[in-house]
Amino acid sequence: MINTSTRLYCIFGNPVSHSRSPEIHNAWFSENSVNAVYMAFEIKDIDQGIQAIRSLDIKGASITIPFKESVMQFLDHIDEDAVKIGAVNTIVNRNGKLEGFNTDCKAGVDPLNSIGIKNKKVCIVGAGGAAHAIAHGIHMHGGRLVIVNRNRNRGMKLAAKYNGRFIAMDDMAGLSLIQPDILINATSMGMIPDIDVCPFPPEFIRSGMVVMDIVYTPENTILLSYARKKGCTTIDGTAMFMYQAAEQFRLWTGILPDIKSMKNISDRRKQ
């Protein structure tokens, strides 16, 4: 029951209409008898979002595209790992002091641990906040990075940070030669409503690759569809989404939620 003691949490992004975060976090609040509510806000300026957190005493926030990097300048403290990554996806309001964390890094590499990352050639498409987090994790696990991005400056900067290679997204000859062991889409390409946009040329996807997409709406993205047709091992965005959300919930409440309960609900909806 919502009352004057109900704590408010939210997600800031643009767009956010596709986000499952309110559904997931509100279910976890209910399961764990936490008097709180989680809402989605589509905003244009992250500084105004931060002002709202302070003025409305919002207890925590998820930060998504395109604000994971720009939000950092407005926070009072940033966790060491988030500083190294250069992106924040979680804010905790501790008595008016806003602390930034990154839960994308661990969530991004956990689904790959059973496959193995060390010495594998890992191609990441994108150079935004999520790409920075995943690249950090891949580097820490000994993977060999290749960054593909439309913006050359951002892509080259990320590649150089982890001694990787950069290839421009319009360099078809270069893309054809990558032949990665693991391909990861860390952009919003393929997400609702642009579900027909593939972030990597399908003709360069080959059998035996592991293809991971962080997009989870739709769950079966066009990239994963092409990859399955080629006989690749695929990992959809639900895995990363659930793990990063669970860590956010723990940071806000001190409770590690039951991921399996949410996965069962998701599986039933597919039937």
Protein backbone atom coordinates (compact mmCIF):
# COMPACT_ATOMS: atom_id res chain seq x y z
CA MET A 1 0.00 0.00 0.00
CA ILE A 2 1.42 3.37 -1.03
CA ASN A 3 1.51 5.90 1.82
CA THR A 4 3.63 8.77 3.13
CA SER A 5 6.35 6.30 4.16
CA THR A 6 6.67 4.75 0.69
CA ARG A 7 10.17 5.18 -0.74
CA LEU A 8 10.53 6.17 -4.38
CA TYR A 9 13.00 4.61 -6.84
CA CYS A 10 13.16 5.18 -10.58
CA ILE A 11 14.90 4.82 -13.91
CA PHE A 12 16.11 7.78 -15.97
CA GLY A 13 16.71 7.36 -19.68
CA ASN A 14 15.60 8.24 -23.18
CA PRO A 15 13.86 6.17 -24.36
CA VAL A 16 12.52 4.15 -21.40
CA SER A 17 9.08 3.03 -22.60
CA HIS A 18 10.52 -0.43 -23.38
CA SER A 19 12.05 -0.89 -19.92
CA ARG A 20 11.09 -3.87 -17.77
CA SER A 21 12.79 -2.35 -14.74
CA PRO A 22 9.55 -1.10 -13.10
CA GLU A 23 7.97 -4.54 -13.47
CA ILE A 24 10.98 -6.34 -12.01
CA HIS A 25 11.82 -4.01 -9.12
CA ASN A 26 8.19 -3.53 -8.05
CA ALA A 27 7.76 -7.32 -7.97
CA TRP A 28 10.87 -7.66 -5.81
CA PHE A 29 9.65 -4.90 -3.48
CA SER A 30 6.40 -6.83 -3.06
CA GLU A 31 8.12 -10.21 -2.58
CA ASN A 32 10.40 -8.79 0.11
CA SER A 33 7.78 -6.62 1.87
CA VAL A 34 9.64 -3.41 1.10
CA ASN A 35 7.45 -0.31 1.21
CA ALA A 36 8.70 1.24 -2.01
CA VAL A 37 7.66 1.93 -5.58
CA TYR A 38 9.74 2.14 -8.78
CA MET A 39 8.81 4.35 -11.73
CA ALA A 40 10.18 5.13 -15.20
CA PHE A 41 10.96 8.70 -16.25
CA GLU A 42 11.90 9.65 -19.81
CA ILE A 43 13.95 12.81 -19.48
CA LYS A 44 15.95 15.05 -21.79
CA ASP A 45 18.55 16.38 -19.35
CA ILE A 46 20.22 14.24 -16.69
CA ASP A 47 21.07 17.27 -14.55
CA GLN A 48 17.35 17.90 -14.08
CA GLY A 49 16.91 14.25 -13.15
CA ILE A 50 19.58 14.60 -10.46
CA GLN A 51 17.86 17.75 -9.17
CA ALA A 52 14.64 15.72 -8.91
CA ILE A 53 16.41 13.01 -6.87
CA ARG A 54 17.64 15.63 -4.43
CA SER A 55 14.43 17.65 -4.16
CA LEU A 56 12.04 14.66 -4.00
CA ASP A 57 14.38 12.52 -1.88
CA ILE A 58 14.28 9.68 -4.41
CA LYS A 59 16.18 6.86 -2.68
CA GLY A 60 17.78 5.31 -5.74
CA ALA A 61 17.84 5.40 -9.52
CA SER A 62 18.78 3.25 -12.48
CA ILE A 63 20.57 5.17 -15.23
CA THR A 64 20.29 4.01 -18.82
CA ILE A 65 20.92 5.25 -22.36
CA PRO A 66 22.14 7.93 -23.00
CA PHE A 67 23.13 9.16 -19.52
CA LYS A 68 25.50 6.55 -18.04
CA GLU A 69 28.59 8.68 -18.64
CA SER A 70 27.22 12.22 -18.40
CA VAL A 71 25.56 11.56 -15.02
CA MET A 72 28.92 11.15 -13.29
CA GLN A 73 29.67 14.87 -13.06
CA PHE A 74 26.58 15.46 -10.92
CA LEU A 75 27.25 12.86 -8.20
CA ASP A 76 28.83 13.32 -4.77
CA HIS A 77 30.80 10.06 -4.78
CA ILE A 78 31.55 7.37 -7.37
CA ASP A 79 32.55 3.79 -6.61
CA GLU A 80 36.12 2.89 -7.63
CA ASP A 81 35.06 0.32 -10.23
CA ALA A 82 32.61 2.78 -11.80
CA VAL A 83 35.42 5.35 -12.01
CA LYS A 84 37.64 2.84 -13.82
CA ILE A 85 34.82 1.91 -16.18
CA GLY A 86 33.84 5.51 -16.78
CA ALA A 87 30.10 4.92 -16.49
CA VAL A 88 27.41 4.75 -13.79
CA ASN A 89 24.14 2.85 -14.09
CA THR A 90 23.04 2.96 -10.44
CA ILE A 91 22.59 5.80 -7.95
CA VAL A 92 22.13 5.31 -4.22
CA ASN A 93 20.86 8.24 -2.15
CA ARG A 94 22.48 7.99 1.28
CA ASN A 95 21.07 10.77 3.45
CA GLY A 96 21.20 13.28 0.60
CA LYS A 97 24.61 12.20 -0.72
CA LEU A 98 24.36 10.63 -4.17
CA GLU A 99 26.69 7.68 -4.80
CA GLY A 100 27.27 6.14 -8.23
CA PHE A 101 27.89 2.46 -8.99
CA ASN A 102 28.14 0.24 -12.05
CA THR A 103 26.37 -3.12 -11.97
CA ASP A 104 26.70 -3.69 -15.73
CA CYS A 105 30.30 -4.95 -15.65
CA LYS A 106 29.85 -8.14 -13.64
CA ALA A 107 26.41 -8.76 -15.16
CA GLY A 108 27.89 -8.44 -18.64
CA VAL A 109 30.63 -11.04 -18.20
CA ASP A 110 28.87 -13.54 -15.91
CA PRO A 111 26.90 -15.15 -18.80
CA LEU A 112 30.23 -15.73 -20.62
CA ASN A 113 32.17 -17.31 -17.76
CA SER A 114 31.01 -20.84 -18.54
CA ILE A 115 32.17 -20.37 -22.14
CA GLY A 116 35.51 -18.85 -21.22
CA ILE A 117 36.90 -15.40 -22.02
CA LYS A 118 40.67 -15.66 -21.54
CA ASN A 119 42.61 -15.31 -24.82
CA LYS A 120 39.36 -15.18 -26.80
CA LYS A 121 38.89 -12.48 -29.44
CA VAL A 122 35.90 -10.48 -28.23
CA CYS A 123 34.26 -7.94 -30.54
CA ILE A 124 32.09 -5.33 -28.80
CA VAL A 125 29.78 -3.22 -30.94
CA GLY A 126 29.35 0.17 -29.30
CA ALA A 127 31.33 2.59 -27.18
CA GLY A 128 28.73 3.92 -24.75
CA GLY A 129 28.29 3.25 -21.04
CA ALA A 130 27.33 -0.42 -21.38
CA ALA A 131 30.22 -1.05 -23.79
CA HIS A 132 32.67 0.53 -21.35
CA ALA A 133 31.43 -1.71 -18.53
CA ILE A 134 31.58 -4.91 -20.58
CA ALA A 135 34.97 -4.00 -22.08
CA HIS A 136 36.36 -3.53 -18.57
CA GLY A 137 35.10 -6.96 -17.56
CA ILE A 138 36.41 -8.65 -20.70
CA HIS A 139 39.83 -7.05 -20.21
CA MET A 140 39.96 -8.15 -16.56
CA HIS A 141 39.22 -11.73 -17.68
CA GLY A 142 42.01 -11.73 -20.28
CA GLY A 143 39.98 -11.33 -23.47
CA ARG A 144 41.40 -9.69 -26.61
CA LEU A 145 39.19 -6.73 -27.47
CA VAL A 146 38.02 -5.37 -30.79
CA ILE A 147 35.74 -2.32 -30.65
CA VAL A 148 33.34 -1.50 -33.50
CA ASN A 149 31.61 1.87 -33.40
CA ARG A 150 30.11 4.56 -35.62
CA ASN A 151 31.83 7.41 -33.79
CA ARG A 152 35.55 7.00 -34.47
CA ASN A 153 36.79 9.13 -31.58
CA ARG A 154 34.73 7.32 -28.96
CA GLY A 155 35.53 3.91 -30.41
CA MET A 156 39.25 4.56 -30.67
CA LYS A 157 39.36 5.91 -27.12
CA LEU A 158 37.69 2.81 -25.69
CA ALA A 159 39.90 0.45 -27.70
CA ALA A 160 43.06 2.26 -26.60
CA LYS A 161 42.00 2.12 -22.96
CA TYR A 162 42.24 -1.70 -23.01
CA ASN A 163 44.95 -2.17 -25.66
CA GLY A 164 42.35 -3.32 -28.16
CA ARG A 165 41.73 -2.71 -31.86
CA PHE A 166 39.23 -0.30 -33.31
CA ILE A 167 37.28 -0.82 -36.54
CA ALA A 168 34.79 1.71 -37.86
CA MET A 169 31.27 0.45 -38.38
CA ASP A 170 31.35 1.46 -42.04
CA ASP A 171 34.65 -0.34 -42.72
CA MET A 172 33.20 -3.45 -44.35
CA ALA A 173 36.61 -4.86 -45.29
CA GLY A 174 37.80 -4.50 -41.71
CA LEU A 175 34.62 -6.04 -40.28
CA SER A 176 34.95 -9.04 -42.57
CA LEU A 177 38.38 -9.83 -41.12
CA ILE A 178 37.51 -9.70 -37.41
CA GLN A 179 36.13 -13.26 -37.12
CA PRO A 180 35.70 -12.98 -33.34
CA ASP A 181 35.18 -15.86 -30.95
CA ILE A 182 32.61 -13.75 -29.10
CA LEU A 183 30.47 -10.96 -30.57
CA ILE A 184 28.60 -8.62 -28.21
CA ASN A 185 26.10 -5.95 -29.18
CA ALA A 186 26.36 -3.24 -26.51
CA THR A 187 24.20 -0.69 -28.36
CA SER A 188 20.45 -0.07 -28.54
CA MET A 189 20.35 -1.18 -32.20
CA GLY A 190 17.68 -3.83 -32.64
CA MET A 191 15.68 -2.58 -29.66
CA ILE A 192 11.99 -1.70 -29.92
CA PRO A 193 10.92 0.16 -32.04
CA ASP A 194 13.93 -0.31 -34.37
CA ILE A 195 13.77 -4.10 -34.36
CA ASP A 196 14.91 -4.47 -37.98
CA VAL A 197 18.27 -2.74 -37.39
CA CYS A 198 21.13 -5.23 -37.11
CA PRO A 199 24.25 -3.89 -35.33
CA PHE A 200 26.68 -6.19 -37.17
CA PRO A 201 26.69 -7.37 -40.80
CA PRO A 202 24.99 -10.80 -40.83
CA GLU A 203 27.24 -12.01 -43.64
CA PHE A 204 30.24 -11.82 -41.28
CA ILE A 205 28.64 -13.98 -38.59
CA ARG A 206 30.00 -17.50 -38.79
CA SER A 207 29.18 -20.84 -37.20
CA GLY A 208 30.97 -21.45 -33.92
CA MET A 209 30.81 -17.86 -32.71
CA VAL A 210 29.20 -16.90 -29.41
CA VAL A 211 26.81 -14.00 -30.04
CA MET A 212 25.47 -11.96 -27.13
CA ASP A 213 23.00 -9.09 -27.32
CA ILE A 214 22.36 -6.82 -24.32
CA VAL A 215 19.03 -5.72 -25.86
CA TYR A 216 16.16 -7.56 -24.12
CA THR A 217 13.13 -6.00 -25.83
CA PRO A 218 12.62 -7.91 -28.03
CA GLU A 219 14.37 -10.86 -26.44
CA ASN A 220 14.92 -12.51 -29.82
CA THR A 221 16.66 -9.64 -31.59
CA ILE A 222 17.42 -9.63 -35.29
CA LEU A 223 21.13 -10.15 -34.46
CA LEU A 224 20.39 -13.28 -32.42
CA SER A 225 18.01 -14.53 -35.09
CA TYR A 226 20.74 -14.34 -37.73
CA ALA A 227 23.23 -15.93 -35.34
CA ARG A 228 20.98 -18.91 -34.61
CA LYS A 229 20.49 -19.49 -38.32
CA LYS A 230 24.29 -19.64 -38.66
CA GLY A 231 24.55 -22.20 -35.85
CA CYS A 232 26.06 -19.86 -33.25
CA THR A 233 25.71 -20.10 -29.49
CA THR A 234 23.51 -17.17 -28.47
CA ILE A 235 22.95 -15.27 -25.22
CA ASP A 236 20.00 -12.89 -25.03
CA GLY A 237 19.85 -9.67 -23.04
CA THR A 238 17.60 -11.01 -20.28
CA ALA A 239 20.52 -12.62 -18.45
CA MET A 240 22.54 -9.42 -18.15
CA PHE A 241 19.44 -7.37 -17.37
CA MET A 242 18.41 -9.62 -14.49
CA TYR A 243 21.85 -9.79 -12.90
CA GLN A 244 22.48 -6.05 -13.04
CA ALA A 245 18.99 -5.34 -11.69
CA ALA A 246 19.46 -7.76 -8.79
CA GLU A 247 22.69 -6.03 -7.78
CA GLN A 248 20.93 -2.66 -7.97
CA PHE A 249 18.22 -3.96 -5.66
CA ARG A 250 20.88 -5.18 -3.21
CA LEU A 251 22.61 -1.79 -3.20
CA TRP A 252 19.31 -0.03 -2.48
CA THR A 253 17.81 -2.40 0.09
CA GLY A 254 20.55 -4.73 1.36
CA ILE A 255 18.50 -7.65 0.02
CA LEU A 256 19.67 -9.89 -2.84
CA PRO A 257 16.43 -10.77 -4.67
CA ASP A 258 15.40 -14.10 -6.16
CA ILE A 259 16.27 -13.93 -9.85
CA LYS A 260 14.72 -17.33 -10.52
CA SER A 261 11.24 -16.11 -9.54
CA MET A 262 11.41 -13.35 -12.15
CA LYS A 263 12.83 -15.68 -14.78
CA ASN A 264 9.95 -18.12 -14.22
CA ILE A 265 7.45 -15.30 -14.78
CA SER A 266 9.27 -14.30 -17.97
CA ASP A 267 9.34 -17.89 -19.23
CA ARG A 268 5.61 -18.33 -18.61
CA ARG A 269 4.86 -15.20 -20.64
CA LYS A 270 6.68 -16.66 -23.62
CA GLN A 271 4.45 -19.74 -23.66
